[in-house]
Amino acid sequence: MVKMKLKIDNDSNKLKYVPIIRQNNRASIQDIKENIEDSKVVLECDYFDTDELKDFKKTMEAVISKGATIHLFQDDREVQIDYISNLISSYEQIAEDREKLDDRISGDD
């Protein structure tokens, strides 16, 4: 399964990031804090689940707004931060196109 993963650079504000991460991660406060300190993944989600990606993006934006420097990965490949927005937009466009096609096929246009 392909995953989107988030790492956060260790800095003096790491305790500000923990409650934000915990909203979407069942890990303990200590585990999240240690993952930040050790440059490990603090949050991940399913690459193909649009709703999970949206929640992931909100969390990512929230920690950025608190001053975090983040690193976004598609599995083990680092990607640009706007990659997730583009991915969500693509999935939404595909869903919209699929609905239009379904309407045409069923004659509901």
N, C-alpha and C. Protein backbone atom coordinates (compact mmCIF):
# COMPACT_ATOMS: atom_id res chain seq x y z
N MET A 1 0.84 -1.18 0.00
CA MET A 1 0.00 0.00 0.00
C MET A 1 0.89 1.24 0.00
N VAL A 2 0.59 2.16 -0.88
CA VAL A 2 1.34 3.41 -0.98
C VAL A 2 0.86 4.36 0.13
N LYS A 3 1.81 5.01 0.77
CA LYS A 3 1.52 5.92 1.88
C LYS A 3 2.12 7.29 1.63
N MET A 4 1.41 8.30 2.10
CA MET A 4 1.97 9.64 2.24
C MET A 4 2.49 9.73 3.66
N LYS A 5 3.68 10.29 3.83
CA LYS A 5 4.31 10.34 5.15
C LYS A 5 4.80 11.74 5.44
N LEU A 6 4.74 12.09 6.71
CA LEU A 6 5.15 13.42 7.15
C LEU A 6 6.23 13.31 8.22
N LYS A 7 7.31 14.05 8.00
CA LYS A 7 8.36 14.20 9.01
C LYS A 7 8.45 15.68 9.35
N ILE A 8 8.80 15.95 10.59
CA ILE A 8 8.93 17.33 11.06
C ILE A 8 10.34 17.52 11.61
N ASP A 9 10.99 18.60 11.20
CA ASP A 9 12.33 18.90 11.72
C ASP A 9 12.24 19.20 13.22
N ASN A 10 13.22 18.71 13.95
CA ASN A 10 13.31 18.95 15.38
C ASN A 10 13.68 20.41 15.62
N ASP A 11 12.87 21.09 16.42
CA ASP A 11 13.17 22.46 16.81
C ASP A 11 12.61 22.73 18.20
N SER A 12 12.77 23.95 18.67
CA SER A 12 12.34 24.29 20.04
C SER A 12 10.82 24.34 20.19
N ASN A 13 10.08 24.28 19.09
CA ASN A 13 8.62 24.34 19.15
C ASN A 13 7.95 22.97 19.05
N LYS A 14 8.70 21.90 19.13
CA LYS A 14 8.14 20.57 18.87
C LYS A 14 6.94 20.24 19.76
N LEU A 15 6.90 20.78 20.97
CA LEU A 15 5.76 20.50 21.84
C LEU A 15 4.47 21.15 21.34
N LYS A 16 4.59 22.17 20.51
CA LYS A 16 3.41 22.79 19.89
C LYS A 16 2.82 21.89 18.80
N TYR A 17 3.66 21.06 18.20
CA TYR A 17 3.22 20.22 17.09
C TYR A 17 2.53 18.94 17.56
N VAL A 18 2.89 18.47 18.75
CA VAL A 18 2.40 17.19 19.24
C VAL A 18 0.87 17.13 19.31
N PRO A 19 0.18 18.12 19.91
CA PRO A 19 -1.28 18.01 19.98
C PRO A 19 -1.95 18.01 18.59
N ILE A 20 -1.34 18.71 17.66
CA ILE A 20 -1.87 18.75 16.30
C ILE A 20 -1.74 17.37 15.66
N ILE A 21 -0.58 16.77 15.80
CA ILE A 21 -0.34 15.44 15.24
C ILE A 21 -1.26 14.41 15.90
N ARG A 22 -1.45 14.51 17.20
CA ARG A 22 -2.27 13.53 17.92
C ARG A 22 -3.72 13.52 17.45
N GLN A 23 -4.19 14.58 16.84
CA GLN A 23 -5.57 14.60 16.34
C GLN A 23 -5.79 13.54 15.27
N ASN A 24 -4.75 13.19 14.52
CA ASN A 24 -4.86 12.19 13.45
C ASN A 24 -3.97 10.98 13.67
N ASN A 25 -3.39 10.86 14.84
CA ASN A 25 -2.44 9.78 15.09
C ASN A 25 -2.68 9.28 16.51
N ARG A 26 -2.80 8.00 16.67
CA ARG A 26 -3.08 7.40 17.99
C ARG A 26 -1.82 7.22 18.83
N ALA A 27 -0.69 7.66 18.33
CA ALA A 27 0.57 7.49 19.07
C ALA A 27 0.56 8.34 20.34
N SER A 28 1.37 7.92 21.28
CA SER A 28 1.48 8.67 22.53
C SER A 28 2.24 9.98 22.29
N ILE A 29 2.07 10.88 23.22
CA ILE A 29 2.78 12.16 23.16
C ILE A 29 4.28 11.91 23.12
N GLN A 30 4.76 11.00 23.95
CA GLN A 30 6.19 10.68 24.01
C GLN A 30 6.68 10.12 22.68
N ASP A 31 5.90 9.23 22.07
CA ASP A 31 6.30 8.64 20.78
C ASP A 31 6.40 9.71 19.69
N ILE A 32 5.42 10.59 19.65
CA ILE A 32 5.45 11.66 18.64
C ILE A 32 6.65 12.56 18.86
N LYS A 33 6.88 12.93 20.11
CA LYS A 33 8.03 13.78 20.45
C LYS A 33 9.34 13.11 20.05
N GLU A 34 9.48 11.82 20.35
CA GLU A 34 10.70 11.09 19.98
C GLU A 34 10.85 10.97 18.47
N ASN A 35 9.74 10.75 17.76
CA ASN A 35 9.81 10.66 16.30
C ASN A 35 10.29 11.97 15.69
N ILE A 36 9.83 13.09 16.24
CA ILE A 36 10.32 14.39 15.75
C ILE A 36 11.82 14.51 16.03
N GLU A 37 12.22 14.19 17.25
CA GLU A 37 13.63 14.30 17.63
C GLU A 37 14.53 13.39 16.78
N ASP A 38 14.00 12.22 16.39
CA ASP A 38 14.80 11.24 15.64
C ASP A 38 14.59 11.32 14.13
N SER A 39 13.91 12.36 13.67
CA SER A 39 13.62 12.55 12.24
C SER A 39 12.90 11.35 11.63
N LYS A 40 11.94 10.83 12.37
CA LYS A 40 11.13 9.71 11.89
C LYS A 40 9.74 10.23 11.49
N VAL A 41 9.01 9.39 10.80
CA VAL A 41 7.66 9.73 10.35
C VAL A 41 6.76 9.94 11.57
N VAL A 42 6.03 11.06 11.56
CA VAL A 42 5.10 11.35 12.66
C VAL A 42 3.65 11.11 12.26
N LEU A 43 3.39 11.06 10.95
CA LEU A 43 2.03 10.87 10.48
C LEU A 43 2.08 10.28 9.08
N GLU A 44 1.13 9.36 8.81
CA GLU A 44 1.02 8.81 7.47
C GLU A 44 -0.43 8.54 7.14
N CYS A 45 -0.70 8.46 5.84
CA CYS A 45 -2.06 8.15 5.40
C CYS A 45 -2.01 7.40 4.08
N ASP A 46 -3.14 6.83 3.72
CA ASP A 46 -3.28 6.08 2.47
C ASP A 46 -3.23 7.04 1.29
N TYR A 47 -2.36 6.76 0.36
CA TYR A 47 -2.16 7.59 -0.83
C TYR A 47 -3.43 7.71 -1.68
N PHE A 48 -4.28 6.69 -1.66
CA PHE A 48 -5.45 6.64 -2.53
C PHE A 48 -6.76 7.03 -1.85
N ASP A 49 -6.74 7.41 -0.59
CA ASP A 49 -7.95 7.77 0.15
C ASP A 49 -8.07 9.29 0.23
N THR A 50 -8.97 9.85 -0.56
CA THR A 50 -9.10 11.30 -0.65
C THR A 50 -9.42 11.93 0.70
N ASP A 51 -10.32 11.33 1.47
CA ASP A 51 -10.67 11.90 2.77
C ASP A 51 -9.49 11.89 3.73
N GLU A 52 -8.73 10.80 3.74
CA GLU A 52 -7.53 10.75 4.59
C GLU A 52 -6.52 11.79 4.15
N LEU A 53 -6.37 11.95 2.84
CA LEU A 53 -5.43 12.95 2.32
C LEU A 53 -5.83 14.36 2.74
N LYS A 54 -7.12 14.64 2.73
CA LYS A 54 -7.59 15.97 3.14
C LYS A 54 -7.28 16.23 4.61
N ASP A 55 -7.53 15.22 5.46
CA ASP A 55 -7.21 15.36 6.88
C ASP A 55 -5.70 15.51 7.09
N PHE A 56 -4.94 14.73 6.35
CA PHE A 56 -3.48 14.79 6.40
C PHE A 56 -3.00 16.19 6.02
N LYS A 57 -3.58 16.74 4.95
CA LYS A 57 -3.20 18.07 4.49
C LYS A 57 -3.52 19.14 5.54
N LYS A 58 -4.69 19.03 6.18
CA LYS A 58 -5.06 19.99 7.23
C LYS A 58 -4.05 19.94 8.38
N THR A 59 -3.68 18.74 8.77
CA THR A 59 -2.69 18.58 9.85
C THR A 59 -1.36 19.16 9.44
N MET A 60 -0.96 18.87 8.22
CA MET A 60 0.30 19.39 7.69
C MET A 60 0.29 20.92 7.71
N GLU A 61 -0.79 21.52 7.26
CA GLU A 61 -0.89 22.98 7.24
C GLU A 61 -0.90 23.55 8.65
N ALA A 62 -1.53 22.84 9.58
CA ALA A 62 -1.59 23.32 10.97
C ALA A 62 -0.21 23.36 11.60
N VAL A 63 0.60 22.32 11.38
CA VAL A 63 1.95 22.35 11.97
C VAL A 63 2.84 23.38 11.28
N ILE A 64 2.63 23.58 10.00
CA ILE A 64 3.38 24.62 9.29
C ILE A 64 3.03 25.99 9.86
N SER A 65 1.75 26.20 10.16
CA SER A 65 1.32 27.49 10.70
C SER A 65 1.90 27.75 12.09
N LYS A 66 2.31 26.69 12.78
CA LYS A 66 2.96 26.83 14.10
C LYS A 66 4.48 26.98 13.97
N GLY A 67 4.98 27.00 12.72
CA GLY A 67 6.40 27.23 12.50
C GLY A 67 7.22 26.01 12.14
N ALA A 68 6.56 24.88 11.94
CA ALA A 68 7.30 23.65 11.65
C ALA A 68 7.90 23.66 10.25
N THR A 69 9.05 23.05 10.14
CA THR A 69 9.65 22.74 8.84
C THR A 69 9.36 21.26 8.61
N ILE A 70 8.65 20.98 7.52
CA ILE A 70 8.21 19.60 7.28
C ILE A 70 8.87 19.01 6.04
N HIS A 71 8.76 17.69 5.98
CA HIS A 71 9.21 16.94 4.80
C HIS A 71 8.10 15.96 4.47
N LEU A 72 7.64 16.01 3.23
CA LEU A 72 6.54 15.19 2.76
C LEU A 72 7.09 14.09 1.86
N PHE A 73 6.62 12.87 2.08
CA PHE A 73 7.10 11.73 1.31
C PHE A 73 5.95 10.94 0.72
N GLN A 74 6.15 10.47 -0.49
CA GLN A 74 5.30 9.45 -1.08
C GLN A 74 6.12 8.18 -0.94
N ASP A 75 5.70 7.33 -0.03
CA ASP A 75 6.52 6.19 0.40
C ASP A 75 7.88 6.71 0.84
N ASP A 76 8.96 6.38 0.12
CA ASP A 76 10.29 6.81 0.55
C ASP A 76 10.86 7.93 -0.30
N ARG A 77 10.05 8.49 -1.19
CA ARG A 77 10.50 9.55 -2.08
C ARG A 77 9.97 10.89 -1.59
N GLU A 78 10.88 11.82 -1.31
CA GLU A 78 10.44 13.14 -0.84
C GLU A 78 9.82 13.91 -2.01
N VAL A 79 8.69 14.56 -1.73
CA VAL A 79 7.96 15.33 -2.75
C VAL A 79 7.74 16.74 -2.23
N GLN A 80 7.41 17.63 -3.15
CA GLN A 80 7.12 19.02 -2.79
C GLN A 80 5.83 19.09 -1.96
N ILE A 81 5.71 20.11 -1.14
CA ILE A 81 4.55 20.26 -0.27
C ILE A 81 3.26 20.40 -1.06
N ASP A 82 3.30 21.07 -2.21
CA ASP A 82 2.07 21.24 -3.00
C ASP A 82 1.64 19.96 -3.71
N TYR A 83 2.45 18.92 -3.63
CA TYR A 83 2.12 17.63 -4.24
C TYR A 83 0.79 17.10 -3.72
N ILE A 84 0.57 17.24 -2.41
CA ILE A 84 -0.65 16.69 -1.82
C ILE A 84 -1.89 17.44 -2.31
N SER A 85 -1.79 18.76 -2.49
CA SER A 85 -2.91 19.53 -3.03
C SER A 85 -3.23 19.10 -4.45
N ASN A 86 -2.19 18.91 -5.24
CA ASN A 86 -2.38 18.46 -6.61
C ASN A 86 -2.99 17.07 -6.66
N LEU A 87 -2.57 16.21 -5.77
CA LEU A 87 -3.09 14.85 -5.71
C LEU A 87 -4.58 14.86 -5.37
N ILE A 88 -4.96 15.64 -4.36
CA ILE A 88 -6.37 15.74 -3.97
C ILE A 88 -7.20 16.30 -5.12
N SER A 89 -6.70 17.35 -5.76
CA SER A 89 -7.42 17.94 -6.90
C SER A 89 -7.61 16.92 -8.02
N SER A 90 -6.60 16.14 -8.29
CA SER A 90 -6.68 15.11 -9.33
C SER A 90 -7.75 14.08 -8.98
N TYR A 91 -7.75 13.62 -7.75
CA TYR A 91 -8.75 12.63 -7.32
C TYR A 91 -10.16 13.20 -7.40
N GLU A 92 -10.32 14.47 -7.01
CA GLU A 92 -11.64 15.09 -7.08
C GLU A 92 -12.10 15.24 -8.52
N GLN A 93 -11.18 15.60 -9.42
CA GLN A 93 -11.52 15.73 -10.84
C GLN A 93 -11.91 14.37 -11.43
N ILE A 94 -11.19 13.34 -11.07
CA ILE A 94 -11.51 12.00 -11.54
C ILE A 94 -12.90 11.59 -11.07
N ALA A 95 -13.22 11.86 -9.81
CA ALA A 95 -14.54 11.51 -9.27
C ALA A 95 -15.63 12.28 -10.01
N GLU A 96 -15.40 13.56 -10.28
CA GLU A 96 -16.37 14.38 -11.01
C GLU A 96 -16.57 13.84 -12.43
N ASP A 97 -15.47 13.53 -13.11
CA ASP A 97 -15.56 12.98 -14.47
C ASP A 97 -16.30 11.64 -14.48
N ARG A 98 -16.05 10.83 -13.48
CA ARG A 98 -16.72 9.53 -13.38
C ARG A 98 -18.23 9.71 -13.20
N GLU A 99 -18.62 10.69 -12.38
CA GLU A 99 -20.04 10.96 -12.18
C GLU A 99 -20.70 11.42 -13.48
N LYS A 100 -20.02 12.29 -14.22
CA LYS A 100 -20.56 12.75 -15.50
C LYS A 100 -20.72 11.59 -16.47
N LEU A 101 -19.74 10.72 -16.51
CA LEU A 101 -19.80 9.57 -17.39
C LEU A 101 -20.94 8.63 -16.98
N ASP A 102 -21.09 8.41 -15.69
CA ASP A 102 -22.19 7.58 -15.21
C ASP A 102 -23.54 8.16 -15.58
N ASP A 103 -23.66 9.50 -15.46
CA ASP A 103 -24.91 10.16 -15.84
C ASP A 103 -25.19 10.00 -17.33
N ARG A 104 -24.18 10.11 -18.16
CA ARG A 104 -24.35 9.93 -19.60
C ARG A 104 -24.77 8.51 -19.94
N ILE A 105 -24.12 7.56 -19.30
CA ILE A 105 -24.41 6.16 -19.56
C ILE A 105 -25.84 5.81 -19.15
N SER A 106 -26.27 6.36 -18.02
CA SER A 106 -27.63 6.05 -17.54
C SER A 106 -28.68 6.95 -18.17
N GLY A 107 -28.24 7.94 -19.00
CA GLY A 107 -29.19 8.80 -19.71
C GLY A 107 -29.78 9.90 -18.88
N ASP A 108 -29.09 10.29 -17.80
CA ASP A 108 -29.61 11.33 -16.89
C ASP A 108 -29.04 12.71 -17.17
N ASP A 109 -28.39 12.90 -18.34
CA ASP A 109 -27.74 14.18 -18.57
C ASP A 109 -28.76 15.22 -18.84
